[in-house]
């Protein structure tokens, strides 16, 4: 049984760290505000940003949710959840897009409406394929088949 709930940590955050790889093979790390519906994360990003161009070109990437440094009791063991995710562009004015925008408005208020009106912003769905949650030393959980499971000790 897990001592911590990875979904609870994710729910407490407003942004996700995103890793991507450029066409030139150079890695790029950035972040974006996110919303979540079931086990899919949605980000609204500008086509002008480096990570946006990289994500549109890629089919999978890595994302990280990490406990705020101020809330952490141990800088060497910050609570974190990372996923390898499948990237899916969401068409503007689709049912999925409108539903995600409603979640953005609920979470971020009027600011979400500004981004919705900007023509260079689009929506991406990030669906976890695999992942890991770490809540301290000896408290790691793998994400597979839609569930977190305790990592077995390796010898």
N, C-alpha and C. Protein backbone atom coordinates (compact mmCIF):
# COMPACT_ATOMS: atom_id res chain seq x y z
N UNK A 1 0.84 -1.18 0.00
CA UNK A 1 0.00 0.00 0.00
C UNK A 1 0.89 1.25 0.00
N UNK A 2 0.53 2.24 -0.79
CA UNK A 2 1.31 3.46 -0.89
C UNK A 2 1.07 4.37 0.32
N UNK A 3 2.16 4.93 0.82
CA UNK A 3 2.05 5.87 1.93
C UNK A 3 1.64 7.25 1.44
N UNK A 4 1.88 7.53 0.17
CA UNK A 4 1.57 8.83 -0.41
C UNK A 4 0.77 8.63 -1.68
N UNK A 5 0.03 9.64 -2.07
CA UNK A 5 -0.79 9.57 -3.27
C UNK A 5 -0.20 10.48 -4.35
N UNK A 6 0.36 9.90 -5.42
CA UNK A 6 0.93 10.73 -6.49
C UNK A 6 -0.07 11.71 -7.08
N UNK A 7 -1.32 11.30 -7.21
CA UNK A 7 -2.34 12.18 -7.81
C UNK A 7 -2.60 13.38 -6.91
N UNK A 8 -2.50 13.19 -5.60
CA UNK A 8 -2.70 14.30 -4.67
C UNK A 8 -1.58 15.33 -4.83
N UNK A 9 -0.34 14.88 -5.00
CA UNK A 9 0.76 15.80 -5.25
C UNK A 9 0.50 16.58 -6.54
N UNK A 10 0.14 15.89 -7.60
CA UNK A 10 -0.13 16.54 -8.90
C UNK A 10 -1.25 17.56 -8.75
N UNK A 11 -2.32 17.20 -8.06
CA UNK A 11 -3.46 18.11 -7.87
C UNK A 11 -3.07 19.38 -7.11
N UNK A 12 -2.00 19.32 -6.32
CA UNK A 12 -1.59 20.48 -5.53
C UNK A 12 -0.75 21.48 -6.34
N UNK A 13 -0.41 21.12 -7.56
CA UNK A 13 0.47 21.95 -8.39
C UNK A 13 -0.29 22.64 -9.51
N UNK A 14 0.31 23.69 -10.05
CA UNK A 14 -0.32 24.43 -11.15
C UNK A 14 0.46 24.34 -12.45
N UNK A 15 1.72 23.87 -12.38
CA UNK A 15 2.51 23.78 -13.60
C UNK A 15 3.27 22.46 -13.66
N UNK A 16 3.66 22.10 -14.87
CA UNK A 16 4.40 20.87 -15.13
C UNK A 16 5.69 21.24 -15.85
N UNK A 17 6.77 20.54 -15.51
CA UNK A 17 8.05 20.73 -16.19
C UNK A 17 8.07 19.78 -17.38
N UNK A 18 8.47 20.32 -18.53
CA UNK A 18 8.41 19.57 -19.79
C UNK A 18 9.82 19.48 -20.38
N UNK A 19 10.21 18.28 -20.76
CA UNK A 19 11.47 18.08 -21.47
C UNK A 19 11.15 17.77 -22.92
N UNK A 20 11.94 18.35 -23.82
CA UNK A 20 11.74 18.05 -25.23
C UNK A 20 13.10 18.04 -25.92
N UNK A 21 13.11 17.55 -27.12
CA UNK A 21 14.34 17.43 -27.88
C UNK A 21 14.16 18.15 -29.21
N UNK A 22 15.09 19.06 -29.50
CA UNK A 22 15.03 19.80 -30.75
C UNK A 22 15.45 18.94 -31.94
N UNK A 23 15.16 19.41 -33.12
CA UNK A 23 15.57 18.70 -34.34
C UNK A 23 17.08 18.52 -34.40
N UNK A 24 17.80 19.44 -33.77
CA UNK A 24 19.25 19.39 -33.76
C UNK A 24 19.80 18.47 -32.67
N UNK A 25 18.89 17.80 -31.92
CA UNK A 25 19.30 16.88 -30.88
C UNK A 25 19.60 17.54 -29.55
N UNK A 26 19.41 18.84 -29.47
CA UNK A 26 19.68 19.56 -28.22
C UNK A 26 18.44 19.51 -27.32
N UNK A 27 18.61 19.06 -26.06
CA UNK A 27 17.47 19.00 -25.14
C UNK A 27 17.04 20.39 -24.69
N UNK A 28 15.77 20.51 -24.39
CA UNK A 28 15.20 21.77 -23.93
C UNK A 28 14.23 21.45 -22.79
N UNK A 29 14.31 22.21 -21.73
CA UNK A 29 13.40 22.04 -20.60
C UNK A 29 12.66 23.35 -20.37
N UNK A 30 11.36 23.24 -20.15
CA UNK A 30 10.54 24.41 -19.88
C UNK A 30 9.40 23.98 -18.95
N UNK A 31 8.40 24.80 -18.86
CA UNK A 31 7.25 24.45 -18.03
C UNK A 31 6.00 25.04 -18.67
N UNK A 32 4.85 24.56 -18.22
CA UNK A 32 3.58 25.11 -18.67
C UNK A 32 2.53 24.88 -17.59
N UNK A 33 1.62 25.83 -17.43
CA UNK A 33 0.46 25.56 -16.58
C UNK A 33 -0.31 24.37 -17.17
N UNK A 34 -0.97 23.61 -16.34
CA UNK A 34 -1.69 22.44 -16.82
C UNK A 34 -3.02 22.28 -16.11
N UNK A 35 -3.88 21.51 -16.73
CA UNK A 35 -5.09 21.01 -16.10
C UNK A 35 -5.13 19.51 -16.36
N UNK A 36 -5.95 18.83 -15.60
CA UNK A 36 -6.01 17.38 -15.70
C UNK A 36 -7.45 16.92 -15.76
N UNK A 37 -7.71 15.97 -16.63
CA UNK A 37 -9.00 15.28 -16.65
C UNK A 37 -8.69 13.80 -16.68
N UNK A 38 -9.12 13.13 -15.63
CA UNK A 38 -8.79 11.72 -15.41
C UNK A 38 -7.29 11.59 -15.45
N UNK A 39 -6.72 10.79 -16.31
CA UNK A 39 -5.27 10.61 -16.33
C UNK A 39 -4.63 11.27 -17.55
N UNK A 40 -5.22 12.33 -18.04
CA UNK A 40 -4.65 13.09 -19.15
C UNK A 40 -4.42 14.52 -18.69
N UNK A 41 -3.26 15.06 -19.05
CA UNK A 41 -2.91 16.43 -18.72
C UNK A 41 -3.03 17.26 -19.99
N UNK A 42 -3.50 18.49 -19.83
CA UNK A 42 -3.65 19.41 -20.97
C UNK A 42 -2.81 20.64 -20.70
N UNK A 43 -2.08 21.06 -21.73
CA UNK A 43 -1.32 22.30 -21.66
C UNK A 43 -1.72 23.16 -22.85
N UNK A 44 -1.73 24.46 -22.64
CA UNK A 44 -2.00 25.43 -23.70
C UNK A 44 -0.71 26.19 -23.92
N UNK A 45 -0.14 26.04 -25.12
CA UNK A 45 1.20 26.57 -25.38
C UNK A 45 1.23 27.40 -26.66
N UNK A 46 2.20 28.32 -26.71
CA UNK A 46 2.37 29.18 -27.87
C UNK A 46 3.21 28.49 -28.93
N UNK A 47 2.81 28.60 -30.16
CA UNK A 47 3.57 28.05 -31.28
C UNK A 47 4.92 28.74 -31.42
N UNK A 48 5.10 29.88 -30.76
CA UNK A 48 6.34 30.64 -30.85
C UNK A 48 7.43 30.10 -29.92
N UNK A 49 7.07 29.26 -28.96
CA UNK A 49 8.04 28.77 -27.99
C UNK A 49 8.81 27.56 -28.51
N UNK A 50 10.03 27.41 -28.03
CA UNK A 50 10.88 26.29 -28.45
C UNK A 50 10.26 24.96 -28.09
N UNK A 51 9.80 24.82 -26.83
CA UNK A 51 9.27 23.52 -26.44
C UNK A 51 8.01 23.18 -27.22
N UNK A 52 7.23 24.16 -27.62
CA UNK A 52 6.02 23.89 -28.39
C UNK A 52 6.36 23.28 -29.74
N UNK A 53 7.31 23.87 -30.42
CA UNK A 53 7.72 23.33 -31.73
C UNK A 53 8.26 21.91 -31.57
N UNK A 54 9.07 21.70 -30.53
CA UNK A 54 9.61 20.37 -30.28
C UNK A 54 8.50 19.36 -30.00
N UNK A 55 7.54 19.75 -29.17
CA UNK A 55 6.47 18.83 -28.80
C UNK A 55 5.59 18.46 -29.99
N UNK A 56 5.33 19.42 -30.85
CA UNK A 56 4.51 19.13 -32.03
C UNK A 56 5.18 18.12 -32.95
N UNK A 57 6.49 18.15 -32.97
CA UNK A 57 7.25 17.25 -33.83
C UNK A 57 7.38 15.86 -33.21
N UNK A 58 7.37 15.79 -31.90
CA UNK A 58 7.59 14.52 -31.18
C UNK A 58 6.26 13.81 -30.94
N UNK A 59 6.34 12.54 -30.70
CA UNK A 59 5.14 11.79 -30.32
C UNK A 59 5.09 11.51 -28.83
N UNK A 60 6.27 11.51 -28.20
CA UNK A 60 6.35 11.27 -26.76
C UNK A 60 7.36 12.23 -26.16
N UNK A 61 7.20 12.50 -24.87
CA UNK A 61 8.16 13.31 -24.13
C UNK A 61 8.09 12.94 -22.66
N UNK A 62 8.90 13.60 -21.87
CA UNK A 62 8.93 13.37 -20.43
C UNK A 62 8.45 14.63 -19.72
N UNK A 63 7.63 14.44 -18.70
CA UNK A 63 7.16 15.56 -17.88
C UNK A 63 7.44 15.26 -16.42
N UNK A 64 7.53 16.33 -15.62
CA UNK A 64 7.84 16.19 -14.20
C UNK A 64 6.97 17.11 -13.37
N UNK A 65 6.39 16.54 -12.34
CA UNK A 65 5.69 17.30 -11.30
C UNK A 65 6.55 17.16 -10.06
N UNK A 66 6.91 18.28 -9.42
CA UNK A 66 7.81 18.20 -8.27
C UNK A 66 7.35 19.15 -7.16
N UNK A 67 7.46 18.65 -5.96
CA UNK A 67 7.07 19.40 -4.76
C UNK A 67 7.83 20.73 -4.70
N UNK A 68 7.14 21.75 -4.29
CA UNK A 68 7.74 23.07 -4.10
C UNK A 68 8.86 22.98 -3.07
N UNK A 69 9.99 23.62 -3.39
CA UNK A 69 11.13 23.60 -2.47
C UNK A 69 10.76 24.11 -1.07
N UNK A 70 9.90 25.10 -1.01
CA UNK A 70 9.51 25.68 0.26
C UNK A 70 8.77 24.66 1.13
N UNK A 71 8.04 23.76 0.51
CA UNK A 71 7.26 22.76 1.25
C UNK A 71 8.04 21.49 1.55
N UNK A 72 9.19 21.33 0.93
CA UNK A 72 9.97 20.10 1.09
C UNK A 72 10.69 20.07 2.43
N UNK A 73 10.69 18.91 3.05
CA UNK A 73 11.41 18.72 4.31
C UNK A 73 12.85 18.28 4.06
N UNK A 74 13.15 17.85 2.83
CA UNK A 74 14.47 17.35 2.50
C UNK A 74 14.76 17.63 1.04
N UNK A 75 15.71 18.50 0.76
CA UNK A 75 16.04 18.87 -0.62
C UNK A 75 16.55 17.69 -1.44
N UNK A 76 17.05 16.64 -0.78
CA UNK A 76 17.56 15.47 -1.49
C UNK A 76 16.46 14.45 -1.77
N UNK A 77 15.28 14.70 -1.26
CA UNK A 77 14.19 13.72 -1.44
C UNK A 77 12.86 14.44 -1.66
N UNK A 78 12.87 15.46 -2.54
CA UNK A 78 11.62 16.14 -2.84
C UNK A 78 10.64 15.18 -3.49
N UNK A 79 9.38 15.27 -3.10
CA UNK A 79 8.35 14.44 -3.70
C UNK A 79 8.21 14.81 -5.17
N UNK A 80 8.12 13.79 -6.04
CA UNK A 80 8.04 14.05 -7.47
C UNK A 80 7.37 12.90 -8.20
N UNK A 81 6.79 13.27 -9.33
CA UNK A 81 6.15 12.28 -10.20
C UNK A 81 6.59 12.62 -11.62
N UNK A 82 7.15 11.65 -12.31
CA UNK A 82 7.54 11.85 -13.70
C UNK A 82 6.82 10.84 -14.58
N UNK A 83 6.52 11.25 -15.79
CA UNK A 83 5.84 10.39 -16.74
C UNK A 83 6.51 10.50 -18.11
N UNK A 84 6.47 9.42 -18.85
CA UNK A 84 6.65 9.45 -20.30
C UNK A 84 5.22 9.58 -20.81
N UNK A 85 4.98 10.58 -21.66
CA UNK A 85 3.61 10.83 -22.13
C UNK A 85 3.52 10.80 -23.65
N UNK A 86 2.37 10.39 -24.11
CA UNK A 86 2.00 10.46 -25.52
C UNK A 86 1.44 11.86 -25.76
N UNK A 87 1.89 12.52 -26.84
CA UNK A 87 1.46 13.89 -27.14
C UNK A 87 0.40 13.85 -28.24
N UNK A 88 -0.74 14.52 -27.98
CA UNK A 88 -1.81 14.60 -28.97
C UNK A 88 -2.27 16.05 -29.10
N UNK A 89 -2.11 16.66 -30.29
CA UNK A 89 -2.66 18.00 -30.49
C UNK A 89 -4.19 17.95 -30.43
N UNK A 90 -4.79 18.96 -29.83
CA UNK A 90 -6.25 19.02 -29.69
C UNK A 90 -6.76 20.14 -30.60
N UNK A 91 -7.70 19.81 -31.45
CA UNK A 91 -8.25 20.80 -32.39
C UNK A 91 -9.07 21.84 -31.65
N UNK A 92 -8.81 23.09 -32.01
CA UNK A 92 -9.56 24.21 -31.44
C UNK A 92 -11.04 24.03 -31.73
N UNK A 93 -11.87 24.37 -30.78
CA UNK A 93 -13.33 24.28 -30.88
C UNK A 93 -13.86 22.86 -30.88
N UNK A 94 -13.00 21.85 -30.61
CA UNK A 94 -13.50 20.49 -30.44
C UNK A 94 -14.10 20.36 -29.04
N UNK A 95 -14.83 19.31 -28.81
CA UNK A 95 -15.42 19.07 -27.49
C UNK A 95 -14.30 18.94 -26.45
N UNK A 96 -13.23 18.24 -26.80
CA UNK A 96 -12.11 18.07 -25.87
C UNK A 96 -11.45 19.40 -25.56
N UNK A 97 -11.23 20.24 -26.57
CA UNK A 97 -10.62 21.55 -26.39
C UNK A 97 -11.49 22.41 -25.46
N UNK A 98 -12.77 22.48 -25.75
CA UNK A 98 -13.67 23.30 -24.93
C UNK A 98 -13.75 22.80 -23.49
N UNK A 99 -13.74 21.49 -23.32
CA UNK A 99 -13.76 20.93 -21.97
C UNK A 99 -12.49 21.28 -21.20
N UNK A 100 -11.34 21.17 -21.88
CA UNK A 100 -10.07 21.51 -21.23
C UNK A 100 -10.00 23.01 -20.93
N UNK A 101 -10.51 23.85 -21.83
CA UNK A 101 -10.50 25.29 -21.58
C UNK A 101 -11.37 25.65 -20.38
N UNK A 102 -12.47 24.94 -20.21
CA UNK A 102 -13.31 25.16 -19.02
C UNK A 102 -12.51 24.81 -17.76
N UNK A 103 -11.73 23.73 -17.81
CA UNK A 103 -10.89 23.38 -16.66
C UNK A 103 -9.84 24.45 -16.40
N UNK A 104 -9.25 25.00 -17.49
CA UNK A 104 -8.28 26.09 -17.33
C UNK A 104 -8.93 27.31 -16.68
N UNK A 105 -10.14 27.65 -17.11
CA UNK A 105 -10.85 28.80 -16.55
C UNK A 105 -11.16 28.57 -15.08
N UNK A 106 -11.57 27.34 -14.73
CA UNK A 106 -11.86 27.02 -13.33
C UNK A 106 -10.61 27.11 -12.46
N UNK A 107 -9.48 26.68 -13.00
CA UNK A 107 -8.25 26.63 -12.22
C UNK A 107 -7.50 27.96 -12.19
N UNK A 108 -7.50 28.69 -13.33
CA UNK A 108 -6.67 29.89 -13.45
C UNK A 108 -7.46 31.18 -13.62
N UNK A 109 -8.79 31.08 -13.68
CA UNK A 109 -9.61 32.27 -13.76
C UNK A 109 -9.56 32.96 -15.11
N UNK A 110 -9.75 34.25 -15.07
CA UNK A 110 -9.87 35.08 -16.27
C UNK A 110 -8.64 35.03 -17.16
N UNK A 111 -7.47 34.77 -16.59
CA UNK A 111 -6.24 34.70 -17.36
C UNK A 111 -6.33 33.64 -18.47
N UNK A 112 -7.04 32.56 -18.21
CA UNK A 112 -7.19 31.49 -19.22
C UNK A 112 -7.90 32.01 -20.46
N UNK A 113 -8.84 32.93 -20.30
CA UNK A 113 -9.56 33.48 -21.46
C UNK A 113 -8.65 34.28 -22.38
N UNK A 114 -7.64 34.92 -21.82
CA UNK A 114 -6.69 35.68 -22.64
C UNK A 114 -5.96 34.72 -23.57
N UNK A 115 -5.45 33.62 -23.03
CA UNK A 115 -4.71 32.66 -23.84
C UNK A 115 -5.61 31.99 -24.88
N UNK A 116 -6.85 31.80 -24.53
CA UNK A 116 -7.81 31.19 -25.46
C UNK A 116 -8.00 32.06 -26.69
N UNK A 117 -7.91 33.37 -26.52
CA UNK A 117 -8.15 34.29 -27.63
C UNK A 117 -6.92 34.50 -28.51
N UNK A 118 -5.74 34.09 -28.06
CA UNK A 118 -4.53 34.29 -28.84
C UNK A 118 -4.40 33.22 -29.92
N UNK A 119 -4.25 33.63 -31.18
CA UNK A 119 -4.24 32.66 -32.29
C UNK A 119 -3.03 31.72 -32.32
N UNK A 120 -1.92 32.10 -31.68
CA UNK A 120 -0.73 31.23 -31.71
C UNK A 120 -0.75 30.18 -30.60
N UNK A 121 -1.74 30.22 -29.72
CA UNK A 121 -1.82 29.22 -28.66
C UNK A 121 -2.68 28.04 -29.09
N UNK A 122 -2.21 26.87 -28.74
CA UNK A 122 -2.97 25.66 -29.04
C UNK A 122 -2.87 24.71 -27.86
N UNK A 123 -3.67 23.67 -27.91
CA UNK A 123 -3.79 22.74 -26.79
C UNK A 123 -3.14 21.41 -27.15
N UNK A 124 -2.41 20.86 -26.17
CA UNK A 124 -1.85 19.52 -26.30
C UNK A 124 -2.35 18.66 -25.16
N UNK A 125 -2.69 17.42 -25.47
CA UNK A 125 -3.03 16.43 -24.45
C UNK A 125 -1.79 15.58 -24.22
N UNK A 126 -1.44 15.38 -22.95
CA UNK A 126 -0.30 14.57 -22.57
C UNK A 126 -0.84 13.38 -21.77
N UNK A 127 -0.79 12.21 -22.38
CA UNK A 127 -1.35 11.01 -21.76
C UNK A 127 -0.23 10.09 -21.28
N UNK A 128 -0.17 9.82 -19.97
CA UNK A 128 0.91 8.99 -19.44
C UNK A 128 0.92 7.58 -20.03
N UNK A 129 2.14 7.15 -20.39
CA UNK A 129 2.38 5.80 -20.87
C UNK A 129 3.04 4.98 -19.77
N UNK A 130 4.00 5.61 -19.09
CA UNK A 130 4.68 4.99 -17.96
C UNK A 130 5.17 6.12 -17.06
N UNK A 131 5.64 5.75 -15.86
CA UNK A 131 6.11 6.80 -14.97
C UNK A 131 6.62 6.27 -13.66
N UNK A 132 7.01 7.22 -12.81
CA UNK A 132 7.49 6.86 -11.48
C UNK A 132 7.18 8.00 -10.53
N UNK A 133 6.76 7.65 -9.33
CA UNK A 133 6.55 8.61 -8.24
C UNK A 133 7.56 8.29 -7.15
N UNK A 134 8.21 9.33 -6.63
CA UNK A 134 9.17 9.16 -5.54
C UNK A 134 8.77 10.10 -4.41
N UNK A 135 8.61 9.53 -3.22
CA UNK A 135 8.19 10.31 -2.06
C UNK A 135 9.22 10.30 -0.94
N UNK A 136 10.40 9.86 -1.23
CA UNK A 136 11.47 9.81 -0.24
C UNK A 136 12.26 8.54 -0.42
N UNK A 137 13.23 8.36 0.42
CA UNK A 137 14.08 7.19 0.33
C UNK A 137 13.28 5.92 0.57
N UNK A 138 13.35 4.99 -0.36
CA UNK A 138 12.62 3.73 -0.25
C UNK A 138 11.13 3.84 -0.49
N UNK A 139 10.66 4.97 -1.04
CA UNK A 139 9.24 5.18 -1.29
C UNK A 139 9.03 5.54 -2.77
N UNK A 140 9.23 4.55 -3.63
CA UNK A 140 9.09 4.77 -5.07
C UNK A 140 7.98 3.87 -5.60
N UNK A 141 7.27 4.41 -6.59
CA UNK A 141 6.14 3.71 -7.18
C UNK A 141 6.20 3.85 -8.70
N UNK A 142 6.09 2.73 -9.39
CA UNK A 142 6.05 2.76 -10.86
C UNK A 142 4.62 2.91 -11.34
N UNK A 143 4.47 3.66 -12.44
CA UNK A 143 3.16 3.83 -13.07
C UNK A 143 3.14 2.97 -14.32
N UNK A 144 2.23 2.02 -14.35
CA UNK A 144 2.10 1.13 -15.49
C UNK A 144 0.65 0.68 -15.59
N UNK A 145 0.15 0.62 -16.80
CA UNK A 145 -1.23 0.18 -17.04
C UNK A 145 -2.24 0.99 -16.24
N UNK A 146 -1.97 2.30 -16.08
CA UNK A 146 -2.91 3.20 -15.43
C UNK A 146 -2.90 3.21 -13.92
N UNK A 147 -1.91 2.52 -13.31
CA UNK A 147 -1.87 2.43 -11.84
C UNK A 147 -0.45 2.59 -11.32
N UNK A 148 -0.32 3.10 -10.09
CA UNK A 148 0.96 3.15 -9.42
C UNK A 148 1.12 1.90 -8.57
N UNK A 149 2.31 1.31 -8.63
CA UNK A 149 2.62 0.11 -7.86
C UNK A 149 3.97 0.30 -7.17
N UNK A 150 4.11 -0.23 -5.98
CA UNK A 150 5.37 -0.12 -5.25
C UNK A 150 6.49 -0.73 -6.07
N UNK A 151 7.64 -0.06 -6.11
CA UNK A 151 8.80 -0.58 -6.80
C UNK A 151 9.42 -1.66 -5.93
N UNK A 152 9.63 -2.84 -6.50
CA UNK A 152 10.24 -3.93 -5.75
C UNK A 152 11.73 -3.63 -5.56
N UNK A 153 12.22 -3.96 -4.39
CA UNK A 153 13.65 -3.74 -4.11
C UNK A 153 14.47 -4.59 -5.05
N UNK A 154 15.53 -3.99 -5.58
CA UNK A 154 16.42 -4.72 -6.49
C UNK A 154 17.67 -5.12 -5.72
N UNK A 155 18.14 -6.33 -5.98
CA UNK A 155 19.37 -6.81 -5.32
C UNK A 155 20.35 -7.23 -6.36
